[in-house]
Amino acid sequence: MLATNCDGFYTGYWNDGFQMYSDPTIAQDDGDILSFYIKTFAGIDFISPLYMKLKECDFTNGSCRLSPLGSGWGNLKGVQFPQ
């Protein structure tokens, strides 16, 4: 799964606490759990809605390189919070 355009989210993984990726606008994993933190100003206040694009890898269409540029990424789904 590939997450891009992560507007309002920090992307990373969980390892004894949240570990942010060096580029928090892109997250990619091979079936393990991706972690997301919502960026907030104070408490529960945030600019709404938050948004990210999720894509699924389909090797029959091409490669899924470690970037959004691979031709195998498909099944685009937009995720908004709150819905």
N, C-alpha and C. Protein backbone atom coordinates (compact mmCIF):
# COMPACT_ATOMS: atom_id res chain seq x y z
N MET A 1 0.85 -1.18 0.00
CA MET A 1 0.00 0.00 0.00
C MET A 1 0.89 1.23 0.00
N LEU A 2 0.46 2.25 -0.72
CA LEU A 2 1.19 3.50 -0.81
C LEU A 2 0.25 4.64 -0.43
N ALA A 3 0.67 5.46 0.49
CA ALA A 3 -0.10 6.63 0.90
C ALA A 3 0.65 7.88 0.46
N THR A 4 -0.03 8.75 -0.28
CA THR A 4 0.58 10.00 -0.74
C THR A 4 -0.37 11.15 -0.45
N ASN A 5 0.11 12.35 -0.67
CA ASN A 5 -0.69 13.56 -0.44
C ASN A 5 -1.28 13.53 0.97
N CYS A 6 -0.44 13.24 1.94
CA CYS A 6 -0.91 13.09 3.33
C CYS A 6 -1.06 14.46 3.97
N ASP A 7 -2.09 15.16 3.60
CA ASP A 7 -2.32 16.51 4.08
C ASP A 7 -2.93 16.47 5.47
N GLY A 8 -2.17 16.85 6.47
CA GLY A 8 -2.66 16.86 7.84
C GLY A 8 -2.23 15.65 8.65
N PHE A 9 -1.45 14.76 8.07
CA PHE A 9 -1.00 13.55 8.76
C PHE A 9 0.52 13.50 8.82
N TYR A 10 1.05 12.94 9.89
CA TYR A 10 2.43 12.48 9.93
C TYR A 10 2.41 10.99 9.62
N THR A 11 3.24 10.51 8.71
CA THR A 11 3.27 9.09 8.39
C THR A 11 4.54 8.47 8.96
N GLY A 12 4.43 7.22 9.41
CA GLY A 12 5.58 6.53 9.97
C GLY A 12 5.23 5.11 10.36
N TYR A 13 5.91 4.61 11.37
CA TYR A 13 5.67 3.25 11.85
C TYR A 13 5.76 3.26 13.37
N TRP A 14 5.32 2.17 13.98
CA TRP A 14 5.29 2.09 15.43
C TRP A 14 6.39 1.15 15.90
N ASN A 15 7.31 1.66 16.73
CA ASN A 15 8.39 0.86 17.29
C ASN A 15 8.74 1.45 18.65
N ASP A 16 8.06 0.93 19.71
CA ASP A 16 8.17 1.53 21.05
C ASP A 16 7.88 3.02 21.00
N GLY A 17 6.86 3.39 20.28
CA GLY A 17 6.50 4.78 20.07
C GLY A 17 6.49 5.09 18.59
N PHE A 18 5.91 6.20 18.24
CA PHE A 18 5.77 6.59 16.84
C PHE A 18 7.11 7.05 16.28
N GLN A 19 7.52 6.48 15.16
CA GLN A 19 8.75 6.86 14.46
C GLN A 19 8.35 7.45 13.11
N MET A 20 8.57 8.73 12.93
CA MET A 20 8.14 9.39 11.69
C MET A 20 9.12 9.10 10.56
N TYR A 21 8.60 8.92 9.34
CA TYR A 21 9.44 8.76 8.17
C TYR A 21 10.14 10.09 7.86
N SER A 22 11.27 10.02 7.17
CA SER A 22 12.00 11.24 6.83
C SER A 22 11.18 12.14 5.90
N ASP A 23 10.34 11.52 5.06
CA ASP A 23 9.41 12.28 4.23
C ASP A 23 8.00 11.89 4.66
N PRO A 24 7.37 12.66 5.54
CA PRO A 24 6.07 12.25 6.09
C PRO A 24 4.92 12.36 5.10
N THR A 25 5.17 12.85 3.87
CA THR A 25 4.08 12.96 2.89
C THR A 25 3.89 11.67 2.11
N ILE A 26 4.84 10.69 2.25
CA ILE A 26 4.75 9.43 1.52
C ILE A 26 4.98 8.28 2.49
N ALA A 27 4.13 7.27 2.46
CA ALA A 27 4.32 6.07 3.28
C ALA A 27 4.05 4.85 2.42
N GLN A 28 4.90 3.84 2.57
CA GLN A 28 4.73 2.62 1.78
C GLN A 28 5.08 1.44 2.65
N ASP A 29 4.30 0.37 2.55
CA ASP A 29 4.59 -0.84 3.31
C ASP A 29 4.06 -2.04 2.57
N ASP A 30 4.58 -3.22 2.93
CA ASP A 30 4.29 -4.44 2.18
C ASP A 30 3.27 -5.34 2.87
N GLY A 31 2.38 -4.77 3.61
CA GLY A 31 1.36 -5.56 4.29
C GLY A 31 1.38 -5.39 5.79
N ASP A 32 2.48 -4.84 6.33
CA ASP A 32 2.52 -4.52 7.74
C ASP A 32 1.72 -3.25 7.99
N ILE A 33 1.60 -2.89 9.23
CA ILE A 33 0.76 -1.73 9.59
C ILE A 33 1.52 -0.43 9.41
N LEU A 34 0.91 0.51 8.71
CA LEU A 34 1.41 1.88 8.65
C LEU A 34 0.78 2.66 9.79
N SER A 35 1.51 3.62 10.32
CA SER A 35 0.99 4.44 11.41
C SER A 35 0.87 5.89 10.95
N PHE A 36 -0.15 6.56 11.43
CA PHE A 36 -0.38 7.96 11.09
C PHE A 36 -0.69 8.73 12.36
N TYR A 37 -0.09 9.89 12.49
CA TYR A 37 -0.45 10.84 13.55
C TYR A 37 -1.14 12.02 12.88
N ILE A 38 -2.12 12.57 13.53
CA ILE A 38 -2.78 13.77 13.03
C ILE A 38 -2.04 14.98 13.58
N LYS A 39 -1.69 15.90 12.69
CA LYS A 39 -1.04 17.13 13.11
C LYS A 39 -2.07 18.03 13.80
N THR A 40 -1.77 18.48 14.99
CA THR A 40 -2.69 19.36 15.71
C THR A 40 -1.97 20.62 16.17
N PHE A 41 -2.73 21.67 16.37
CA PHE A 41 -2.17 22.90 16.92
C PHE A 41 -2.20 22.84 18.44
N ALA A 42 -3.34 22.45 19.00
CA ALA A 42 -3.48 22.32 20.45
C ALA A 42 -4.69 21.45 20.74
N GLY A 43 -4.52 20.46 21.59
CA GLY A 43 -5.64 19.60 21.94
C GLY A 43 -6.18 18.87 20.74
N ILE A 44 -7.47 19.01 20.50
CA ILE A 44 -8.11 18.32 19.37
C ILE A 44 -8.37 19.26 18.20
N ASP A 45 -7.80 20.47 18.23
CA ASP A 45 -8.04 21.43 17.16
C ASP A 45 -7.18 21.11 15.95
N PHE A 46 -7.78 21.00 14.78
CA PHE A 46 -7.03 20.80 13.54
C PHE A 46 -7.83 21.35 12.39
N ILE A 47 -7.14 21.59 11.28
CA ILE A 47 -7.82 22.07 10.08
C ILE A 47 -8.51 20.88 9.44
N SER A 48 -9.79 20.99 9.19
CA SER A 48 -10.59 19.88 8.68
C SER A 48 -11.07 20.23 7.27
N PRO A 49 -11.20 19.26 6.37
CA PRO A 49 -10.90 17.85 6.59
C PRO A 49 -9.44 17.52 6.30
N LEU A 50 -8.96 16.45 6.87
CA LEU A 50 -7.64 15.93 6.57
C LEU A 50 -7.79 14.93 5.42
N TYR A 51 -6.74 14.74 4.64
CA TYR A 51 -6.89 13.96 3.41
C TYR A 51 -5.60 13.20 3.09
N MET A 52 -5.75 12.00 2.52
CA MET A 52 -4.62 11.28 1.93
C MET A 52 -5.13 10.39 0.81
N LYS A 53 -4.23 10.07 -0.12
CA LYS A 53 -4.55 9.16 -1.22
C LYS A 53 -3.89 7.82 -0.93
N LEU A 54 -4.64 6.74 -1.04
CA LEU A 54 -4.11 5.39 -0.85
C LEU A 54 -4.14 4.64 -2.17
N LYS A 55 -3.07 3.91 -2.47
CA LYS A 55 -3.01 3.09 -3.68
C LYS A 55 -2.56 1.68 -3.30
N GLU A 56 -3.04 0.72 -4.05
CA GLU A 56 -2.70 -0.69 -3.84
C GLU A 56 -1.80 -1.14 -4.98
N CYS A 57 -0.80 -1.99 -4.65
CA CYS A 57 0.12 -2.49 -5.67
C CYS A 57 -0.51 -3.66 -6.42
N ASP A 58 -0.43 -3.62 -7.75
CA ASP A 58 -0.87 -4.73 -8.60
C ASP A 58 0.29 -5.04 -9.54
N PHE A 59 1.06 -6.09 -9.20
CA PHE A 59 2.25 -6.43 -9.97
C PHE A 59 1.94 -6.81 -11.41
N THR A 60 0.68 -7.17 -11.72
CA THR A 60 0.34 -7.51 -13.10
C THR A 60 0.35 -6.28 -14.00
N ASN A 61 0.25 -5.09 -13.41
CA ASN A 61 0.28 -3.85 -14.19
C ASN A 61 1.66 -3.25 -14.32
N GLY A 62 2.61 -3.70 -13.50
CA GLY A 62 3.96 -3.14 -13.55
C GLY A 62 4.62 -3.16 -12.19
N SER A 63 5.72 -2.44 -12.08
CA SER A 63 6.50 -2.44 -10.84
C SER A 63 5.90 -1.47 -9.82
N CYS A 64 6.22 -1.73 -8.57
CA CYS A 64 5.79 -0.85 -7.47
C CYS A 64 7.05 -0.40 -6.74
N ARG A 65 7.75 0.52 -7.35
CA ARG A 65 8.99 1.01 -6.77
C ARG A 65 8.70 1.77 -5.49
N LEU A 66 9.76 2.08 -4.75
CA LEU A 66 9.60 2.80 -3.48
C LEU A 66 9.34 4.28 -3.73
N SER A 67 8.36 4.56 -4.54
CA SER A 67 7.96 5.92 -4.85
C SER A 67 6.59 5.86 -5.52
N PRO A 68 5.93 6.99 -5.66
CA PRO A 68 4.63 6.97 -6.36
C PRO A 68 4.75 6.78 -7.86
N LEU A 69 5.97 6.62 -8.40
CA LEU A 69 6.17 6.61 -9.84
C LEU A 69 6.01 5.25 -10.50
N GLY A 70 5.94 4.16 -9.73
CA GLY A 70 5.81 2.84 -10.33
C GLY A 70 4.49 2.67 -11.05
N SER A 71 4.50 1.90 -12.14
CA SER A 71 3.29 1.73 -12.95
C SER A 71 2.33 0.70 -12.36
N GLY A 72 2.72 -0.01 -11.30
CA GLY A 72 1.86 -1.01 -10.69
C GLY A 72 0.89 -0.48 -9.65
N TRP A 73 1.01 0.80 -9.31
CA TRP A 73 0.11 1.36 -8.30
C TRP A 73 -1.25 1.63 -8.91
N GLY A 74 -2.30 1.12 -8.27
CA GLY A 74 -3.66 1.32 -8.78
C GLY A 74 -4.66 1.32 -7.66
N ASN A 75 -5.93 1.20 -8.01
CA ASN A 75 -7.03 1.19 -7.05
C ASN A 75 -6.96 2.38 -6.11
N LEU A 76 -6.89 3.55 -6.69
CA LEU A 76 -6.78 4.78 -5.91
C LEU A 76 -8.02 4.98 -5.05
N LYS A 77 -7.79 5.30 -3.77
CA LYS A 77 -8.89 5.59 -2.85
C LYS A 77 -8.50 6.80 -2.03
N GLY A 78 -9.38 7.77 -1.99
CA GLY A 78 -9.16 8.95 -1.15
C GLY A 78 -9.72 8.71 0.24
N VAL A 79 -8.98 9.11 1.26
CA VAL A 79 -9.42 8.96 2.64
C VAL A 79 -9.47 10.34 3.27
N GLN A 80 -10.62 10.65 3.88
CA GLN A 80 -10.82 11.94 4.51
C GLN A 80 -11.13 11.72 5.99
N PHE A 81 -10.64 12.61 6.84
CA PHE A 81 -10.96 12.54 8.26
C PHE A 81 -11.32 13.94 8.74
N PRO A 82 -12.43 14.14 9.42
CA PRO A 82 -13.47 13.14 9.66
C PRO A 82 -14.26 12.89 8.39
N GLN A 83 -14.91 11.73 8.32
CA GLN A 83 -15.68 11.40 7.11
C GLN A 83 -16.99 12.14 7.10
